[in-house]
Amino acid sequence: MATTRVFQSGNSRAVRIPRRINLALGEVEMFERGGEVIIRRLRDSLSDVPELLASLPEDFMSVGRDDAPPQRRRGL
């Protein structure tokens, strides 16, 4: 595991990505998940969706969903 520092660059915060992490230059997507910050290559297509769905844990949504009932609406 590599460690790095977050630093100020102009009005933004920045982080150096070690060279041994092979991340192409250009756009990436970045988001928070729990206590983690995820930086990953920007996807060109949805071709990896089946693989992502297959990687979900067996107990994913095993307790079902707690959705609100549909709202009653007047016709348009």
PDB file of N, CA and C in Angstrom:
ATOM      1  N   MET A   1       0.847  -1.166   0.000  1.00  0.00           N
ATOM      2  CA  MET A   1       0.000   0.000   0.000  1.00  0.00           C
ATOM      3  C   MET A   1       0.898   1.236   0.000  1.00  0.00           C
ATOM      4  N   ALA A   2       0.552   2.191  -0.814  1.00  0.00           N
ATOM      5  CA  ALA A   2       1.296   3.448  -0.877  1.00  0.00           C
ATOM      6  C   ALA A   2       0.562   4.492  -0.046  1.00  0.00           C
ATOM      7  N   THR A   3       1.311   5.397   0.549  1.00  0.00           N
ATOM      8  CA  THR A   3       0.703   6.520   1.248  1.00  0.00           C
ATOM      9  C   THR A   3       1.152   7.809   0.581  1.00  0.00           C
ATOM     10  N   THR A   4       0.361   8.834   0.726  1.00  0.00           N
ATOM     11  CA  THR A   4       0.665  10.132   0.138  1.00  0.00           C
ATOM     12  C   THR A   4       0.020  11.204   0.998  1.00  0.00           C
ATOM     13  N   ARG A   5       0.178  12.436   0.619  1.00  0.00           N
ATOM     14  CA  ARG A   5      -0.399  13.543   1.384  1.00  0.00           C
ATOM     15  C   ARG A   5      -1.371  14.334   0.514  1.00  0.00           C
ATOM     16  N   VAL A   6      -2.356  14.907   1.164  1.00  0.00           N
ATOM     17  CA  VAL A   6      -3.263  15.845   0.509  1.00  0.00           C
ATOM     18  C   VAL A   6      -2.650  17.224   0.710  1.00  0.00           C
ATOM     19  N   PHE A   7      -2.605  18.035  -0.350  1.00  0.00           N
ATOM     20  CA  PHE A   7      -2.015  19.361  -0.247  1.00  0.00           C
ATOM     21  C   PHE A   7      -2.871  20.372  -0.982  1.00  0.00           C
ATOM     22  N   GLN A   8      -2.611  21.641  -0.712  1.00  0.00           N
ATOM     23  CA  GLN A   8      -3.357  22.729  -1.337  1.00  0.00           C
ATOM     24  C   GLN A   8      -2.701  23.078  -2.670  1.00  0.00           C
ATOM     25  N   SER A   9      -3.499  23.185  -3.728  1.00  0.00           N
ATOM     26  CA  SER A   9      -3.029  23.595  -5.051  1.00  0.00           C
ATOM     27  C   SER A   9      -3.994  24.663  -5.553  1.00  0.00           C
ATOM     28  N   GLY A  10      -3.634  25.933  -5.388  1.00  0.00           N
ATOM     29  CA  GLY A  10      -4.565  27.011  -5.716  1.00  0.00           C
ATOM     30  C   GLY A  10      -5.704  26.987  -4.726  1.00  0.00           C
ATOM     31  N   ASN A  11      -6.940  26.954  -5.238  1.00  0.00           N
ATOM     32  CA  ASN A  11      -8.119  26.891  -4.370  1.00  0.00           C
ATOM     33  C   ASN A  11      -8.631  25.472  -4.177  1.00  0.00           C
ATOM     34  N   SER A  12      -7.888  24.482  -4.658  1.00  0.00           N
ATOM     35  CA  SER A  12      -8.316  23.089  -4.577  1.00  0.00           C
ATOM     36  C   SER A  12      -7.371  22.274  -3.709  1.00  0.00           C
ATOM     37  N   ARG A  13      -7.868  21.152  -3.250  1.00  0.00           N
ATOM     38  CA  ARG A  13      -7.007  20.177  -2.595  1.00  0.00           C
ATOM     39  C   ARG A  13      -6.545  19.191  -3.649  1.00  0.00           C
ATOM     40  N   ALA A  14      -5.342  18.692  -3.503  1.00  0.00           N
ATOM     41  CA  ALA A  14      -4.777  17.774  -4.492  1.00  0.00           C
ATOM     42  C   ALA A  14      -4.060  16.639  -3.780  1.00  0.00           C
ATOM     43  N   VAL A  15      -3.805  15.574  -4.516  1.00  0.00           N
ATOM     44  CA  VAL A  15      -3.078  14.431  -3.979  1.00  0.00           C
ATOM     45  C   VAL A  15      -2.149  13.919  -5.072  1.00  0.00           C
ATOM     46  N   ARG A  16      -0.928  13.556  -4.712  1.00  0.00           N
ATOM     47  CA  ARG A  16       0.007  12.970  -5.674  1.00  0.00           C
ATOM     48  C   ARG A  16      -0.267  11.476  -5.755  1.00  0.00           C
ATOM     49  N   ILE A  17      -0.334  10.974  -6.970  1.00  0.00           N
ATOM     50  CA  ILE A  17      -0.532   9.540  -7.167  1.00  0.00           C
ATOM     51  C   ILE A  17       0.834   8.941  -7.492  1.00  0.00           C
ATOM     52  N   PRO A  18       1.304   7.992  -6.681  1.00  0.00           N
ATOM     53  CA  PRO A  18       2.621   7.413  -6.932  1.00  0.00           C
ATOM     54  C   PRO A  18       2.727   6.807  -8.334  1.00  0.00           C
ATOM     55  N   ARG A  19       3.894   6.902  -8.928  1.00  0.00           N
ATOM     56  CA  ARG A  19       4.123   6.425 -10.293  1.00  0.00           C
ATOM     57  C   ARG A  19       3.815   4.938 -10.430  1.00  0.00           C
ATOM     58  N   ARG A  20       4.049   4.160  -9.373  1.00  0.00           N
ATOM     59  CA  ARG A  20       3.822   2.712  -9.479  1.00  0.00           C
ATOM     60  C   ARG A  20       2.340   2.370  -9.638  1.00  0.00           C
ATOM     61  N   ILE A  21       1.462   3.305  -9.341  1.00  0.00           N
ATOM     62  CA  ILE A  21       0.032   3.108  -9.592  1.00  0.00           C
ATOM     63  C   ILE A  21      -0.215   3.567 -11.016  1.00  0.00           C
ATOM     64  N   ASN A  22      -0.527   2.644 -11.884  1.00  0.00           N
ATOM     65  CA  ASN A  22      -0.631   2.920 -13.315  1.00  0.00           C
ATOM     66  C   ASN A  22      -1.996   3.522 -13.644  1.00  0.00           C
ATOM     67  N   LEU A  23      -2.108   4.819 -13.485  1.00  0.00           N
ATOM     68  CA  LEU A  23      -3.348   5.530 -13.775  1.00  0.00           C
ATOM     69  C   LEU A  23      -3.066   6.487 -14.923  1.00  0.00           C
ATOM     70  N   ALA A  24      -3.759   6.283 -16.035  1.00  0.00           N
ATOM     71  CA  ALA A  24      -3.528   7.119 -17.214  1.00  0.00           C
ATOM     72  C   ALA A  24      -3.868   8.576 -16.899  1.00  0.00           C
ATOM     73  N   LEU A  25      -3.173   9.473 -17.571  1.00  0.00           N
ATOM     74  CA  LEU A  25      -3.463  10.896 -17.402  1.00  0.00           C
ATOM     75  C   LEU A  25      -4.810  11.218 -18.023  1.00  0.00           C
ATOM     76  N   GLY A  26      -5.480  12.213 -17.520  1.00  0.00           N
ATOM     77  CA  GLY A  26      -6.780  12.617 -18.043  1.00  0.00           C
ATOM     78  C   GLY A  26      -7.828  12.549 -16.956  1.00  0.00           C
ATOM     79  N   GLU A  27      -9.070  12.413 -17.361  1.00  0.00           N
ATOM     80  CA  GLU A  27     -10.175  12.424 -16.411  1.00  0.00           C
ATOM     81  C   GLU A  27     -10.310  11.106 -15.669  1.00  0.00           C
ATOM     82  N   VAL A  28     -10.686  11.210 -14.407  1.00  0.00           N
ATOM     83  CA  VAL A  28     -11.016  10.063 -13.573  1.00  0.00           C
ATOM     84  C   VAL A  28     -12.329  10.382 -12.874  1.00  0.00           C
ATOM     85  N   GLU A  29     -12.959   9.365 -12.313  1.00  0.00           N
ATOM     86  CA  GLU A  29     -14.121   9.628 -11.482  1.00  0.00           C
ATOM     87  C   GLU A  29     -13.696   9.438 -10.031  1.00  0.00           C
ATOM     88  N   MET A  30     -14.292  10.238  -9.155  1.00  0.00           N
ATOM     89  CA  MET A  30     -13.889  10.244  -7.753  1.00  0.00           C
ATOM     90  C   MET A  30     -15.134  10.381  -6.898  1.00  0.00           C
ATOM     91  N   PHE A  31     -15.212   9.545  -5.850  1.00  0.00           N
ATOM     92  CA  PHE A  31     -16.366   9.621  -4.961  1.00  0.00           C
ATOM     93  C   PHE A  31     -15.992   9.087  -3.590  1.00  0.00           C
ATOM     94  N   GLU A  32     -16.835   9.376  -2.616  1.00  0.00           N
ATOM     95  CA  GLU A  32     -16.657   8.862  -1.257  1.00  0.00           C
ATOM     96  C   GLU A  32     -17.581   7.681  -1.059  1.00  0.00           C
ATOM     97  N   ARG A  33     -17.058   6.658  -0.380  1.00  0.00           N
ATOM     98  CA  ARG A  33     -17.864   5.493  -0.023  1.00  0.00           C
ATOM     99  C   ARG A  33     -17.483   5.127   1.402  1.00  0.00           C
ATOM    100  N   GLY A  34     -18.395   5.421   2.324  1.00  0.00           N
ATOM    101  CA  GLY A  34     -18.070   5.214   3.729  1.00  0.00           C
ATOM    102  C   GLY A  34     -16.921   6.125   4.114  1.00  0.00           C
ATOM    103  N   GLY A  35     -15.880   5.587   4.676  1.00  0.00           N
ATOM    104  CA  GLY A  35     -14.715   6.363   5.066  1.00  0.00           C
ATOM    105  C   GLY A  35     -13.625   6.377   4.015  1.00  0.00           C
ATOM    106  N   GLU A  36     -13.934   5.917   2.781  1.00  0.00           N
ATOM    107  CA  GLU A  36     -12.928   5.831   1.719  1.00  0.00           C
ATOM    108  C   GLU A  36     -13.165   6.885   0.658  1.00  0.00           C
ATOM    109  N   VAL A  37     -12.101   7.314   0.018  1.00  0.00           N
ATOM    110  CA  VAL A  37     -12.182   8.151  -1.171  1.00  0.00           C
ATOM    111  C   VAL A  37     -11.705   7.285  -2.321  1.00  0.00           C
ATOM    112  N   ILE A  38     -12.535   7.093  -3.317  1.00  0.00           N
ATOM    113  CA  ILE A  38     -12.233   6.215  -4.449  1.00  0.00           C
ATOM    114  C   ILE A  38     -11.908   7.074  -5.663  1.00  0.00           C
ATOM    115  N   ILE A  39     -10.775   6.818  -6.286  1.00  0.00           N
ATOM    116  CA  ILE A  39     -10.396   7.456  -7.550  1.00  0.00           C
ATOM    117  C   ILE A  39     -10.208   6.324  -8.542  1.00  0.00           C
ATOM    118  N   ARG A  40     -10.942   6.360  -9.647  1.00  0.00           N
ATOM    119  CA  ARG A  40     -10.794   5.281 -10.628  1.00  0.00           C
ATOM    120  C   ARG A  40     -10.901   5.823 -12.043  1.00  0.00           C
ATOM    121  N   ARG A  41     -10.424   5.011 -12.972  1.00  0.00           N
ATOM    122  CA  ARG A  41     -10.466   5.390 -14.381  1.00  0.00           C
ATOM    123  C   ARG A  41     -11.902   5.681 -14.800  1.00  0.00           C
ATOM    124  N   LEU A  42     -12.074   6.670 -15.635  1.00  0.00           N
ATOM    125  CA  LEU A  42     -13.392   6.991 -16.156  1.00  0.00           C
ATOM    126  C   LEU A  42     -13.802   5.901 -17.127  1.00  0.00           C
ATOM    127  N   ARG A  43     -14.982   5.386 -16.977  1.00  0.00           N
ATOM    128  CA  ARG A  43     -15.451   4.302 -17.852  1.00  0.00           C
ATOM    129  C   ARG A  43     -15.904   4.854 -19.180  1.00  0.00           C
ATOM    130  N   ASP A  44     -15.538   4.150 -20.243  1.00  0.00           N
ATOM    131  CA  ASP A  44     -15.944   4.552 -21.586  1.00  0.00           C
ATOM    132  C   ASP A  44     -17.316   4.015 -21.950  1.00  0.00           C
ATOM    133  N   SER A  45     -17.706   2.921 -21.322  1.00  0.00           N
ATOM    134  CA  SER A  45     -18.970   2.292 -21.687  1.00  0.00           C
ATOM    135  C   SER A  45     -19.518   1.529 -20.487  1.00  0.00           C
ATOM    136  N   LEU A  46     -20.620   0.886 -20.701  1.00  0.00           N
ATOM    137  CA  LEU A  46     -21.230   0.082 -19.647  1.00  0.00           C
ATOM    138  C   LEU A  46     -20.869  -1.392 -19.780  1.00  0.00           C
ATOM    139  N   SER A  47     -19.847  -1.701 -20.545  1.00  0.00           N
ATOM    140  CA  SER A  47     -19.498  -3.097 -20.804  1.00  0.00           C
ATOM    141  C   SER A  47     -19.072  -3.846 -19.545  1.00  0.00           C
ATOM    142  N   ASP A  48     -18.632  -3.136 -18.512  1.00  0.00           N
ATOM    143  CA  ASP A  48     -18.206  -3.818 -17.296  1.00  0.00           C
ATOM    144  C   ASP A  48     -19.320  -3.959 -16.265  1.00  0.00           C
ATOM    145  N   VAL A  49     -20.533  -3.538 -16.576  1.00  0.00           N
ATOM    146  CA  VAL A  49     -21.649  -3.630 -15.630  1.00  0.00           C
ATOM    147  C   VAL A  49     -21.921  -5.077 -15.208  1.00  0.00           C
ATOM    148  N   PRO A  50     -21.973  -6.046 -16.136  1.00  0.00           N
ATOM    149  CA  PRO A  50     -22.216  -7.430 -15.672  1.00  0.00           C
ATOM    150  C   PRO A  50     -21.172  -7.909 -14.660  1.00  0.00           C
ATOM    151  N   GLU A  51     -19.919  -7.556 -14.869  1.00  0.00           N
ATOM    152  CA  GLU A  51     -18.865  -7.944 -13.931  1.00  0.00           C
ATOM    153  C   GLU A  51     -19.077  -7.273 -12.574  1.00  0.00           C
ATOM    154  N   LEU A  52     -19.453  -5.992 -12.597  1.00  0.00           N
ATOM    155  CA  LEU A  52     -19.706  -5.282 -11.342  1.00  0.00           C
ATOM    156  C   LEU A  52     -20.881  -5.899 -10.590  1.00  0.00           C
ATOM    157  N   LEU A  53     -21.940  -6.242 -11.297  1.00  0.00           N
ATOM    158  CA  LEU A  53     -23.098  -6.861 -10.648  1.00  0.00           C
ATOM    159  C   LEU A  53     -22.744  -8.235 -10.089  1.00  0.00           C
ATOM    160  N   ALA A  54     -21.929  -8.989 -10.815  1.00  0.00           N
ATOM    161  CA  ALA A  54     -21.516 -10.311 -10.343  1.00  0.00           C
ATOM    162  C   ALA A  54     -20.641 -10.213  -9.101  1.00  0.00           C
ATOM    163  N   SER A  55     -19.978  -9.082  -8.891  1.00  0.00           N
ATOM    164  CA  SER A  55     -19.086  -8.926  -7.743  1.00  0.00           C
ATOM    165  C   SER A  55     -19.815  -8.518  -6.469  1.00  0.00           C
ATOM    166  N   LEU A  56     -21.118  -8.260  -6.554  1.00  0.00           N
ATOM    167  CA  LEU A  56     -21.871  -7.896  -5.349  1.00  0.00           C
ATOM    168  C   LEU A  56     -21.915  -9.077  -4.390  1.00  0.00           C
ATOM    169  N   PRO A  57     -21.891  -8.831  -3.092  1.00  0.00           N
ATOM    170  CA  PRO A  57     -21.923  -9.936  -2.130  1.00  0.00           C
ATOM    171  C   PRO A  57     -23.244 -10.698  -2.207  1.00  0.00           C
ATOM    172  N   GLU A  58     -23.196 -11.954  -1.811  1.00  0.00           N
ATOM    173  CA  GLU A  58     -24.384 -12.822  -1.861  1.00  0.00           C
ATOM    174  C   GLU A  58     -25.556 -12.244  -1.075  1.00  0.00           C
ATOM    175  N   ASP A  59     -25.265 -11.560   0.020  1.00  0.00           N
ATOM    176  CA  ASP A  59     -26.342 -11.037   0.866  1.00  0.00           C
ATOM    177  C   ASP A  59     -26.785  -9.625   0.477  1.00  0.00           C
ATOM    178  N   PHE A  60     -26.393  -9.157  -0.691  1.00  0.00           N
ATOM    179  CA  PHE A  60     -26.782  -7.825  -1.135  1.00  0.00           C
ATOM    180  C   PHE A  60     -28.299  -7.718  -1.189  1.00  0.00           C
ATOM    181  N   MET A  61     -28.837  -6.761  -0.478  1.00  0.00           N
ATOM    182  CA  MET A  61     -30.280  -6.499  -0.384  1.00  0.00           C
ATOM    183  C   MET A  61     -31.071  -7.715   0.077  1.00  0.00           C
ATOM    184  N   SER A  62     -30.455  -8.567   0.906  1.00  0.00           N
ATOM    185  CA  SER A  62     -31.144  -9.771   1.370  1.00  0.00           C
ATOM    186  C   SER A  62     -32.336  -9.440   2.271  1.00  0.00           C
ATOM    187  N   VAL A  63     -32.328  -8.253   2.853  1.00  0.00           N
ATOM    188  CA  VAL A  63     -33.453  -7.854   3.705  1.00  0.00           C
ATOM    189  C   VAL A  63     -34.506  -7.092   2.912  1.00  0.00           C
ATOM    190  N   GLY A  64     -34.326  -6.995   1.608  1.00  0.00           N
ATOM    191  CA  GLY A  64     -35.295  -6.310   0.763  1.00  0.00           C
ATOM    192  C   GLY A  64     -35.072  -4.808   0.755  1.00  0.00           C
ATOM    193  N   ARG A  65     -36.056  -4.106   0.233  1.00  0.00           N
ATOM    194  CA  ARG A  65     -35.993  -2.645   0.141  1.00  0.00           C
ATOM    195  C   ARG A  65     -37.082  -2.033   0.999  1.00  0.00           C
ATOM    196  N   ASP A  66     -36.820  -0.846   1.473  1.00  0.00           N
ATOM    197  CA  ASP A  66     -37.791  -0.136   2.291  1.00  0.00           C
ATOM    198  C   ASP A  66     -38.213   1.119   1.530  1.00  0.00           C
ATOM    199  N   ASP A  67     -38.854   0.921   0.389  1.00  0.00           N
ATOM    200  CA  ASP A  67     -39.289   2.037  -0.444  1.00  0.00           C
ATOM    201  C   ASP A  67     -40.603   2.619   0.067  1.00  0.00           C
ATOM    202  N   ALA A  68     -40.743   3.908  -0.137  1.00  0.00           N
ATOM    203  CA  ALA A  68     -42.011   4.564   0.177  1.00  0.00           C
ATOM    204  C   ALA A  68     -43.054   4.103  -0.851  1.00  0.00           C
ATOM    205  N   PRO A  69     -44.326   4.064  -0.469  1.00  0.00           N
ATOM    206  CA  PRO A  69     -45.347   3.678  -1.442  1.00  0.00           C
ATOM    207  C   PRO A  69     -45.427   4.708  -2.566  1.00  0.00           C
ATOM    208  N   PRO A  70     -45.892   4.321  -3.749  1.00  0.00           N
ATOM    209  CA  PRO A  70     -46.001   5.272  -4.862  1.00  0.00           C
ATOM    210  C   PRO A  70     -46.917   6.436  -4.500  1.00  0.00           C
ATOM    211  N   GLN A  71     -46.586   7.599  -5.016  1.00  0.00           N
ATOM    212  CA  GLN A  71     -47.416   8.772  -4.762  1.00  0.00           C
ATOM    213  C   GLN A  71     -48.602   8.798  -5.713  1.00  0.00           C
ATOM    214  N   ARG A  72     -49.734   9.247  -5.202  1.00  0.00           N
ATOM    215  CA  ARG A  72     -50.903   9.428  -6.075  1.00  0.00           C
ATOM    216  C   ARG A  72     -50.724  10.730  -6.809  1.00  0.00           C
ATOM    217  N   ARG A  73     -50.922  10.723  -8.109  1.00  0.00           N
ATOM    218  CA  ARG A  73     -50.760  11.929  -8.921  1.00  0.00           C
ATOM    219  C   ARG A  73     -51.946  12.084  -9.841  1.00  0.00           C
ATOM    220  N   ARG A  74     -52.248  13.325 -10.153  1.00  0.00           N
ATOM    221  CA  ARG A  74     -53.297  13.588 -11.130  1.00  0.00           C
ATOM    222  C   ARG A  74     -52.737  13.389 -12.522  1.00  0.00           C
ATOM    223  N   GLY A  75     -53.565  12.990 -13.459  1.00  0.00           N
ATOM    224  CA  GLY A  75     -53.143  12.826 -14.839  1.00  0.00           C
ATOM    225  C   GLY A  75     -52.721  14.152 -15.435  1.00  0.00           C
ATOM    226  N   LEU A  76     -51.840  14.104 -16.392  1.00  0.00           N
ATOM    227  CA  LEU A  76     -51.359  15.332 -17.019  1.00  0.00           C
ATOM    228  C   LEU A  76     -52.251  15.780 -18.133  1.00  0.00           C
TER     229      LEU A  76
END
